[in-house]
Amino acid sequence: MHQHASDLRLGKHGNSRMQNAYNKYQQFSFKVIEECEPDITIALEQYWINTVDPDLNINRVAASRLGTRVSEATLAKLRGRTRSEETKQKVRDARAKQVFSPEDLAKRAAGVRAAFNTPVSCSDGNSEIQYESVRAAAVGTGVNAKTISKMLTGVTKPGRARHGLTFWYTYGCSRAARCKGA
């Protein structure tokens, strides 16, 4: 929140919609709507993007620019840009030198596991079923877990899975009888 506010005051915020609104109204307030563990931050952010549909959010997918509309002028610049062989080699060398500590790799793996173990709801338009995890939803519906995960993050449009099913993250679903799968 502090970084957002600082960038807005300095007129250098990366979100042009937010910067323009701030320039026009000169006042913004930020509010924490939910606190969570770090390993489910992205999933929870995606839930709130899907639920609230905020006007000032440019990115429709949490922690990704996927789905962001880019102007034709920007696309033209990007199409015309070519990298020299020297630049390409520098990038390859830098990536080859990247070493992730066992702790970093464990954190990444834990994040992926947490996303796959977050409760999920599924609807065919008539009824709704809640599952304990993406894997349980995959087993229960016959839809590939990767497809469900893509629907949850907005990569795949709802209804594109088998039989027109729609999936979303469910929060507060315990291991009670209303959640299927174990």
C-alpha atoms as a PDB file:
ATOM      1  CA  MET A   1       0.000   0.000   0.000  1.00  0.00           C
ATOM      2  CA  HIS A   2       2.823   2.372   0.860  1.00  0.00           C
ATOM      3  CA  GLN A   3       4.539   1.716  -2.480  1.00  0.00           C
ATOM      4  CA  HIS A   4       1.281   2.345  -4.375  1.00  0.00           C
ATOM      5  CA  ALA A   5       0.751   5.614  -2.500  1.00  0.00           C
ATOM      6  CA  SER A   6       4.339   6.731  -3.036  1.00  0.00           C
ATOM      7  CA  ASP A   7       4.269   5.987  -6.778  1.00  0.00           C
ATOM      8  CA  LEU A   8       0.938   7.797  -7.140  1.00  0.00           C
ATOM      9  CA  ARG A   9       2.198  10.897  -5.302  1.00  0.00           C
ATOM     10  CA  LEU A  10       5.342  10.931  -7.475  1.00  0.00           C
ATOM     11  CA  GLY A  11       3.249  10.487 -10.644  1.00  0.00           C
ATOM     12  CA  LYS A  12       5.084   7.334 -11.700  1.00  0.00           C
ATOM     13  CA  HIS A  13       2.618   4.530 -10.927  1.00  0.00           C
ATOM     14  CA  GLY A  14       2.745   1.636 -13.407  1.00  0.00           C
ATOM     15  CA  ASN A  15      -1.052   1.437 -13.631  1.00  0.00           C
ATOM     16  CA  SER A  16      -2.117   4.325 -15.872  1.00  0.00           C
ATOM     17  CA  ARG A  17      -5.790   3.987 -14.882  1.00  0.00           C
ATOM     18  CA  MET A  18      -4.940   4.342 -11.213  1.00  0.00           C
ATOM     19  CA  GLN A  19      -2.505   7.198 -11.869  1.00  0.00           C
ATOM     20  CA  ASN A  20      -5.089   9.101 -13.966  1.00  0.00           C
ATOM     21  CA  ALA A  21      -7.780   8.637 -11.302  1.00  0.00           C
ATOM     22  CA  TYR A  22      -5.370   9.818  -8.608  1.00  0.00           C
ATOM     23  CA  ASN A  23      -4.350  12.848 -10.691  1.00  0.00           C
ATOM     24  CA  LYS A  24      -8.011  13.759 -11.167  1.00  0.00           C
ATOM     25  CA  TYR A  25      -9.277  13.211  -7.606  1.00  0.00           C
ATOM     26  CA  GLN A  26      -6.015  13.646  -5.620  1.00  0.00           C
ATOM     27  CA  GLN A  27      -7.216  11.300  -2.895  1.00  0.00           C
ATOM     28  CA  PHE A  28      -7.170   7.555  -2.540  1.00  0.00           C
ATOM     29  CA  SER A  29      -7.669   5.348   0.428  1.00  0.00           C
ATOM     30  CA  PHE A  30      -6.377   1.825   0.633  1.00  0.00           C
ATOM     31  CA  LYS A  31      -7.997  -0.822   2.754  1.00  0.00           C
ATOM     32  CA  VAL A  32      -6.946  -4.377   3.607  1.00  0.00           C
ATOM     33  CA  ILE A  33      -9.965  -6.544   2.814  1.00  0.00           C
ATOM     34  CA  GLU A  34      -8.467  -9.838   3.929  1.00  0.00           C
ATOM     35  CA  GLU A  35      -5.264 -11.118   5.461  1.00  0.00           C
ATOM     36  CA  CYS A  36      -3.852 -14.501   4.527  1.00  0.00           C
ATOM     37  CA  GLU A  37      -0.801 -16.714   4.567  1.00  0.00           C
ATOM     38  CA  PRO A  38       1.802 -15.826   1.913  1.00  0.00           C
ATOM     39  CA  ASP A  39       1.395 -19.145   0.088  1.00  0.00           C
ATOM     40  CA  ILE A  40      -2.217 -18.398  -0.927  1.00  0.00           C
ATOM     41  CA  THR A  41      -1.824 -14.679  -1.672  1.00  0.00           C
ATOM     42  CA  ILE A  42      -2.069 -15.064  -5.458  1.00  0.00           C
ATOM     43  CA  ALA A  43      -5.084 -17.399  -5.281  1.00  0.00           C
ATOM     44  CA  LEU A  44      -6.859 -15.038  -2.889  1.00  0.00           C
ATOM     45  CA  GLU A  45      -6.043 -12.005  -5.033  1.00  0.00           C
ATOM     46  CA  GLN A  46      -7.531 -13.823  -8.045  1.00  0.00           C
ATOM     47  CA  TYR A  47     -10.655 -14.598  -6.009  1.00  0.00           C
ATOM     48  CA  TRP A  48     -11.116 -10.897  -5.168  1.00  0.00           C
ATOM     49  CA  ILE A  49     -10.439  -9.810  -8.770  1.00  0.00           C
ATOM     50  CA  ASN A  50     -13.117 -12.249  -9.952  1.00  0.00           C
ATOM     51  CA  THR A  51     -15.555 -11.291  -7.178  1.00  0.00           C
ATOM     52  CA  VAL A  52     -15.214  -7.499  -7.079  1.00  0.00           C
ATOM     53  CA  ASP A  53     -14.215  -6.863 -10.727  1.00  0.00           C
ATOM     54  CA  PRO A  54     -12.315  -3.671  -9.795  1.00  0.00           C
ATOM     55  CA  ASP A  55     -12.298  -0.843 -12.347  1.00  0.00           C
ATOM     56  CA  LEU A  56      -8.727   0.235 -11.691  1.00  0.00           C
ATOM     57  CA  ASN A  57      -7.160  -3.229 -12.049  1.00  0.00           C
ATOM     58  CA  ILE A  58      -5.454  -3.468 -15.423  1.00  0.00           C
ATOM     59  CA  ASN A  59      -4.458  -7.110 -15.015  1.00  0.00           C
ATOM     60  CA  ARG A  60      -7.346  -9.557 -14.952  1.00  0.00           C
ATOM     61  CA  VAL A  61      -5.070 -12.383 -13.774  1.00  0.00           C
ATOM     62  CA  ALA A  62      -3.306 -12.082 -10.407  1.00  0.00           C
ATOM     63  CA  ALA A  63       0.495 -11.780 -10.606  1.00  0.00           C
ATOM     64  CA  SER A  64       0.391 -11.887 -14.404  1.00  0.00           C
ATOM     65  CA  ARG A  65      -0.011  -9.512 -17.330  1.00  0.00           C
ATOM     66  CA  LEU A  66      -2.037 -12.189 -19.109  1.00  0.00           C
ATOM     67  CA  GLY A  67      -5.232 -10.666 -20.460  1.00  0.00           C
ATOM     68  CA  THR A  68      -3.905  -7.098 -20.268  1.00  0.00           C
ATOM     69  CA  ARG A  69      -4.873  -5.036 -23.283  1.00  0.00           C
ATOM     70  CA  VAL A  70      -2.017  -3.231 -24.987  1.00  0.00           C
ATOM     71  CA  SER A  71      -2.451  -0.346 -27.397  1.00  0.00           C
ATOM     72  CA  GLU A  72      -1.775  -0.840 -31.098  1.00  0.00           C
ATOM     73  CA  ALA A  73       1.120   1.643 -30.858  1.00  0.00           C
ATOM     74  CA  THR A  74       2.769  -0.431 -28.118  1.00  0.00           C
ATOM     75  CA  LEU A  75       2.241  -3.628 -30.094  1.00  0.00           C
ATOM     76  CA  ALA A  76       3.866  -2.006 -33.141  1.00  0.00           C
ATOM     77  CA  LYS A  77       6.897  -1.042 -31.029  1.00  0.00           C
ATOM     78  CA  LEU A  78       7.177  -4.551 -29.617  1.00  0.00           C
ATOM     79  CA  ARG A  79       6.872  -6.176 -33.054  1.00  0.00           C
ATOM     80  CA  GLY A  80       9.623  -3.987 -34.471  1.00  0.00           C
ATOM     81  CA  ARG A  81      12.005  -4.607 -31.596  1.00  0.00           C
ATOM     82  CA  THR A  82      14.802  -7.073 -32.194  1.00  0.00           C
ATOM     83  CA  ARG A  83      17.546  -8.022 -29.815  1.00  0.00           C
ATOM     84  CA  SER A  84      21.117  -8.276 -30.922  1.00  0.00           C
ATOM     85  CA  GLU A  85      22.911 -11.605 -30.681  1.00  0.00           C
ATOM     86  CA  GLU A  86      25.084 -10.059 -27.981  1.00  0.00           C
ATOM     87  CA  THR A  87      22.015  -9.174 -25.886  1.00  0.00           C
ATOM     88  CA  LYS A  88      20.532 -12.635 -26.419  1.00  0.00           C
ATOM     89  CA  GLN A  89      23.798 -14.219 -25.260  1.00  0.00           C
ATOM     90  CA  LYS A  90      23.901 -11.997 -22.153  1.00  0.00           C
ATOM     91  CA  VAL A  91      20.376 -13.101 -21.243  1.00  0.00           C
ATOM     92  CA  ARG A  92      21.276 -16.784 -21.754  1.00  0.00           C
ATOM     93  CA  ASP A  93      24.405 -16.391 -19.611  1.00  0.00           C
ATOM     94  CA  ALA A  94      22.490 -14.629 -16.826  1.00  0.00           C
ATOM     95  CA  ARG A  95      19.827 -17.355 -16.769  1.00  0.00           C
ATOM     96  CA  ALA A  96      22.483 -20.073 -16.713  1.00  0.00           C
ATOM     97  CA  LYS A  97      24.053 -18.447 -13.626  1.00  0.00           C
ATOM     98  CA  GLN A  98      20.750 -18.357 -11.732  1.00  0.00           C
ATOM     99  CA  VAL A  99      20.975 -20.677  -8.783  1.00  0.00           C
ATOM    100  CA  PHE A 100      18.009 -21.199  -6.525  1.00  0.00           C
ATOM    101  CA  SER A 101      18.675 -22.216  -2.966  1.00  0.00           C
ATOM    102  CA  PRO A 102      16.937 -25.300  -1.623  1.00  0.00           C
ATOM    103  CA  GLU A 103      14.829 -22.941   0.518  1.00  0.00           C
ATOM    104  CA  ASP A 104      13.683 -20.993  -2.581  1.00  0.00           C
ATOM    105  CA  LEU A 105      12.812 -24.202  -4.408  1.00  0.00           C
ATOM    106  CA  ALA A 106      10.939 -25.485  -1.350  1.00  0.00           C
ATOM    107  CA  LYS A 107       8.961 -22.208  -1.130  1.00  0.00           C
ATOM    108  CA  ARG A 108       8.015 -22.433  -4.809  1.00  0.00           C
ATOM    109  CA  ALA A 109       6.955 -26.065  -4.440  1.00  0.00           C
ATOM    110  CA  ALA A 110       4.945 -25.239  -1.308  1.00  0.00           C
ATOM    111  CA  GLY A 111       3.168 -22.436  -3.170  1.00  0.00           C
ATOM    112  CA  VAL A 112       2.173 -24.752  -5.996  1.00  0.00           C
ATOM    113  CA  ARG A 113       1.031 -27.428  -3.547  1.00  0.00           C
ATOM    114  CA  ALA A 114      -0.973 -24.849  -1.596  1.00  0.00           C
ATOM    115  CA  ALA A 115      -2.731 -23.650  -4.759  1.00  0.00           C
ATOM    116  CA  PHE A 116      -3.642 -27.225  -5.640  1.00  0.00           C
ATOM    117  CA  ASN A 117      -4.845 -27.889  -2.070  1.00  0.00           C
ATOM    118  CA  THR A 118      -7.090 -24.814  -1.811  1.00  0.00           C
ATOM    119  CA  PRO A 119     -10.849 -25.569  -1.700  1.00  0.00           C
ATOM    120  CA  VAL A 120     -12.594 -25.251  -5.066  1.00  0.00           C
ATOM    121  CA  SER A 121     -16.266 -24.946  -6.039  1.00  0.00           C
ATOM    122  CA  CYS A 122     -17.754 -26.214  -9.261  1.00  0.00           C
ATOM    123  CA  SER A 123     -21.074 -25.467 -10.938  1.00  0.00           C
ATOM    124  CA  ASP A 124     -22.829 -26.710 -14.062  1.00  0.00           C
ATOM    125  CA  GLY A 125     -25.316 -23.826 -13.901  1.00  0.00           C
ATOM    126  CA  ASN A 126     -27.888 -25.768 -11.900  1.00  0.00           C
ATOM    127  CA  SER A 127     -26.047 -27.117  -8.885  1.00  0.00           C
ATOM    128  CA  GLU A 128     -22.862 -26.362  -6.991  1.00  0.00           C
ATOM    129  CA  ILE A 129     -20.368 -28.810  -5.489  1.00  0.00           C
ATOM    130  CA  GLN A 130     -17.416 -27.924  -3.285  1.00  0.00           C
ATOM    131  CA  TYR A 131     -14.177 -29.904  -3.324  1.00  0.00           C
ATOM    132  CA  GLU A 132     -11.233 -29.823  -0.928  1.00  0.00           C
ATOM    133  CA  SER A 133      -8.687 -29.247  -3.681  1.00  0.00           C
ATOM    134  CA  VAL A 134      -8.080 -28.906  -7.397  1.00  0.00           C
ATOM    135  CA  ARG A 135      -7.078 -32.579  -7.506  1.00  0.00           C
ATOM    136  CA  ALA A 136     -10.293 -33.647  -5.768  1.00  0.00           C
ATOM    137  CA  ALA A 137     -12.293 -31.511  -8.221  1.00  0.00           C
ATOM    138  CA  ALA A 138     -10.433 -33.124 -11.129  1.00  0.00           C
ATOM    139  CA  VAL A 139     -11.260 -36.607  -9.872  1.00  0.00           C
ATOM    140  CA  GLY A 140     -14.877 -35.680  -9.098  1.00  0.00           C
ATOM    141  CA  THR A 141     -15.614 -33.978 -12.432  1.00  0.00           C
ATOM    142  CA  GLY A 142     -13.304 -35.780 -14.825  1.00  0.00           C
ATOM    143  CA  VAL A 143     -11.747 -32.451 -15.875  1.00  0.00           C
ATOM    144  CA  ASN A 144      -7.947 -32.279 -15.994  1.00  0.00           C
ATOM    145  CA  ALA A 145      -6.432 -30.573 -12.904  1.00  0.00           C
ATOM    146  CA  LYS A 146      -4.340 -28.304 -15.126  1.00  0.00           C
ATOM    147  CA  THR A 147      -7.488 -27.159 -16.975  1.00  0.00           C
ATOM    148  CA  ILE A 148      -9.196 -26.401 -13.660  1.00  0.00           C
ATOM    149  CA  SER A 149      -6.138 -24.482 -12.467  1.00  0.00           C
ATOM    150  CA  LYS A 150      -6.150 -22.415 -15.678  1.00  0.00           C
ATOM    151  CA  MET A 151      -9.839 -21.619 -15.190  1.00  0.00           C
ATOM    152  CA  LEU A 152      -9.185 -20.547 -11.590  1.00  0.00           C
ATOM    153  CA  THR A 153      -6.483 -18.091 -12.656  1.00  0.00           C
ATOM    154  CA  GLY A 154      -8.477 -16.771 -15.602  1.00  0.00           C
ATOM    155  CA  VAL A 155      -6.251 -18.243 -18.337  1.00  0.00           C
ATOM    156  CA  THR A 156      -9.126 -20.369 -19.651  1.00  0.00           C
ATOM    157  CA  LYS A 157     -12.594 -18.864 -19.907  1.00  0.00           C
ATOM    158  CA  PRO A 158     -15.309 -20.365 -17.670  1.00  0.00           C
ATOM    159  CA  GLY A 159     -17.369 -23.043 -19.370  1.00  0.00           C
ATOM    160  CA  ARG A 160     -14.498 -24.192 -21.591  1.00  0.00           C
ATOM    161  CA  ALA A 161     -14.031 -27.364 -19.540  1.00  0.00           C
ATOM    162  CA  ARG A 162     -15.990 -30.549 -20.030  1.00  0.00           C
ATOM    163  CA  HIS A 163     -19.775 -30.201 -19.888  1.00  0.00           C
ATOM    164  CA  GLY A 164     -19.654 -26.409 -19.442  1.00  0.00           C
ATOM    165  CA  LEU A 165     -18.506 -26.539 -15.818  1.00  0.00           C
ATOM    166  CA  THR A 166     -17.314 -23.396 -14.029  1.00  0.00           C
ATOM    167  CA  PHE A 167     -14.743 -23.462 -11.219  1.00  0.00           C
ATOM    168  CA  TRP A 168     -13.770 -20.897  -8.568  1.00  0.00           C
ATOM    169  CA  TYR A 169     -11.820 -20.846  -5.317  1.00  0.00           C
ATOM    170  CA  THR A 170     -13.896 -21.492  -2.199  1.00  0.00           C
ATOM    171  CA  TYR A 171     -12.674 -20.047   1.075  1.00  0.00           C
ATOM    172  CA  GLY A 172     -13.852 -21.310   4.424  1.00  0.00           C
ATOM    173  CA  CYS A 173     -14.575 -24.793   3.111  1.00  0.00           C
ATOM    174  CA  SER A 174     -13.448 -27.180   5.825  1.00  0.00           C
ATOM    175  CA  ARG A 175     -13.054 -30.917   5.711  1.00  0.00           C
ATOM    176  CA  ALA A 176     -16.732 -31.166   6.570  1.00  0.00           C
ATOM    177  CA  ALA A 177     -19.325 -33.216   4.725  1.00  0.00           C
ATOM    178  CA  ARG A 178     -20.102 -30.376   2.286  1.00  0.00           C
ATOM    179  CA  CYS A 179     -16.613 -30.681   0.731  1.00  0.00           C
ATOM    180  CA  LYS A 180     -16.056 -33.684  -1.498  1.00  0.00           C
ATOM    181  CA  GLY A 181     -12.719 -35.469  -1.878  1.00  0.00           C
ATOM    182  CA  ALA A 182      -9.918 -36.081   0.527  1.00  0.00           C
END
